[in-house]
């Protein structure tokens, strides 16, 4: 499962490391669920 979030308005859901970002990609691999990898990046950054 891959989920891509773009915040247009309001406050983002807080994440563990507290990094401010525009985009978040959450990747949950079947064999690793319920654990997932979170990639947070900003508008001018390249997508990880």
N, C-alpha and C. Protein backbone atom coordinates (compact mmCIF):
# COMPACT_ATOMS: atom_id res chain seq x y z
N UNK A 1 0.85 -1.16 0.00
CA UNK A 1 0.00 0.00 0.00
C UNK A 1 0.90 1.23 0.00
N UNK A 2 0.57 2.19 -0.84
CA UNK A 2 1.28 3.47 -0.88
C UNK A 2 0.25 4.57 -0.73
N UNK A 3 0.49 5.46 0.24
CA UNK A 3 -0.40 6.60 0.45
C UNK A 3 0.42 7.87 0.34
N UNK A 4 -0.07 8.83 -0.44
CA UNK A 4 0.62 10.11 -0.62
C UNK A 4 -0.30 11.21 -0.10
N UNK A 5 0.19 12.00 0.85
CA UNK A 5 -0.61 13.07 1.45
C UNK A 5 -0.04 14.43 1.09
N UNK A 6 -0.90 15.32 0.66
CA UNK A 6 -0.55 16.71 0.42
C UNK A 6 -1.49 17.56 1.25
N UNK A 7 -0.93 18.33 2.17
CA UNK A 7 -1.75 19.17 3.03
C UNK A 7 -2.04 20.49 2.33
N UNK A 8 -3.30 20.77 2.07
CA UNK A 8 -3.70 22.03 1.43
C UNK A 8 -4.15 23.07 2.45
N UNK A 9 -4.72 22.63 3.57
CA UNK A 9 -5.21 23.56 4.59
C UNK A 9 -5.25 22.84 5.93
N UNK A 10 -5.23 23.60 7.00
CA UNK A 10 -5.31 23.01 8.33
C UNK A 10 -3.96 22.56 8.84
N UNK A 11 -3.97 21.92 9.99
CA UNK A 11 -2.75 21.45 10.63
C UNK A 11 -2.48 19.99 10.26
N UNK A 12 -1.23 19.66 9.97
CA UNK A 12 -0.92 18.26 9.67
C UNK A 12 -0.97 17.40 10.94
N UNK A 13 -1.17 16.13 10.75
CA UNK A 13 -1.10 15.19 11.85
C UNK A 13 0.35 15.14 12.32
N UNK A 14 0.61 15.24 13.62
CA UNK A 14 2.00 15.23 14.08
C UNK A 14 2.68 13.90 13.79
N UNK A 15 3.97 13.94 13.45
CA UNK A 15 4.73 12.72 13.26
C UNK A 15 5.83 12.65 14.30
N UNK A 16 6.37 11.49 14.49
CA UNK A 16 7.29 11.21 15.58
C UNK A 16 8.47 12.17 15.65
N UNK A 17 9.12 12.45 14.54
CA UNK A 17 10.32 13.28 14.58
C UNK A 17 10.02 14.78 14.53
N UNK A 18 8.77 15.17 14.37
CA UNK A 18 8.38 16.57 14.42
C UNK A 18 8.84 17.43 13.26
N UNK A 19 9.26 16.82 12.16
CA UNK A 19 9.73 17.57 10.99
C UNK A 19 8.55 18.26 10.31
N UNK A 20 8.72 19.52 9.95
CA UNK A 20 7.71 20.24 9.17
C UNK A 20 7.90 19.88 7.70
N UNK A 21 6.81 19.52 7.01
CA UNK A 21 6.93 19.14 5.60
C UNK A 21 5.63 19.39 4.86
N UNK A 22 5.73 19.45 3.53
CA UNK A 22 4.57 19.65 2.67
C UNK A 22 3.95 18.32 2.24
N UNK A 23 4.79 17.33 1.99
CA UNK A 23 4.33 16.05 1.46
C UNK A 23 4.77 14.91 2.37
N UNK A 24 3.97 13.85 2.37
CA UNK A 24 4.31 12.63 3.09
C UNK A 24 3.91 11.44 2.24
N UNK A 25 4.81 10.49 2.14
CA UNK A 25 4.51 9.24 1.46
C UNK A 25 4.67 8.12 2.49
N UNK A 26 3.64 7.32 2.64
CA UNK A 26 3.65 6.20 3.57
C UNK A 26 3.65 4.91 2.74
N UNK A 27 4.63 4.05 2.97
CA UNK A 27 4.74 2.79 2.23
C UNK A 27 4.65 1.65 3.23
N UNK A 28 3.60 0.83 3.10
CA UNK A 28 3.41 -0.33 3.96
C UNK A 28 3.56 -1.58 3.09
N UNK A 29 4.66 -2.31 3.31
CA UNK A 29 4.90 -3.55 2.56
C UNK A 29 4.16 -4.70 3.23
N UNK A 30 3.60 -5.57 2.44
CA UNK A 30 2.79 -6.67 2.96
C UNK A 30 3.46 -7.50 4.03
N UNK A 31 4.75 -7.82 3.83
CA UNK A 31 5.45 -8.67 4.78
C UNK A 31 5.84 -7.93 6.06
N UNK A 32 5.75 -6.61 6.06
CA UNK A 32 6.16 -5.81 7.23
C UNK A 32 4.99 -5.19 7.98
N UNK A 33 3.78 -5.38 7.52
CA UNK A 33 2.64 -4.76 8.16
C UNK A 33 2.46 -5.26 9.57
N UNK A 34 2.10 -4.45 10.52
CA UNK A 34 1.54 -3.11 10.42
C UNK A 34 2.59 -2.00 10.39
N UNK A 35 3.86 -2.33 10.30
CA UNK A 35 4.91 -1.32 10.23
C UNK A 35 5.01 -0.76 8.83
N UNK A 36 5.40 0.52 8.73
CA UNK A 36 5.49 1.19 7.43
C UNK A 36 6.66 2.16 7.44
N UNK A 37 7.08 2.57 6.25
CA UNK A 37 8.12 3.59 6.10
C UNK A 37 7.45 4.91 5.75
N UNK A 38 7.88 5.98 6.41
CA UNK A 38 7.34 7.30 6.15
C UNK A 38 8.43 8.16 5.53
N UNK A 39 8.14 8.73 4.37
CA UNK A 39 9.06 9.62 3.67
C UNK A 39 8.43 11.01 3.67
N UNK A 40 9.06 11.93 4.38
CA UNK A 40 8.55 13.30 4.47
C UNK A 40 9.50 14.21 3.70
N UNK A 41 8.93 15.10 2.89
CA UNK A 41 9.77 16.00 2.09
C UNK A 41 8.98 17.27 1.79
N UNK A 42 9.68 18.29 1.32
CA UNK A 42 9.08 19.59 1.03
C UNK A 42 8.94 19.82 -0.47
N UNK A 43 8.26 20.88 -0.80
CA UNK A 43 7.91 21.19 -2.18
C UNK A 43 9.12 21.24 -3.10
N UNK A 44 10.22 21.81 -2.66
CA UNK A 44 11.41 21.97 -3.51
C UNK A 44 12.33 20.75 -3.51
N UNK A 45 12.05 19.77 -2.65
CA UNK A 45 12.87 18.56 -2.58
C UNK A 45 12.45 17.57 -3.66
N UNK A 46 13.38 16.67 -4.01
CA UNK A 46 13.00 15.58 -4.92
C UNK A 46 12.27 14.52 -4.11
N UNK A 47 11.42 13.77 -4.76
CA UNK A 47 10.68 12.70 -4.08
C UNK A 47 11.67 11.60 -3.72
N UNK A 48 11.69 11.17 -2.46
CA UNK A 48 12.65 10.11 -2.06
C UNK A 48 12.35 8.77 -2.73
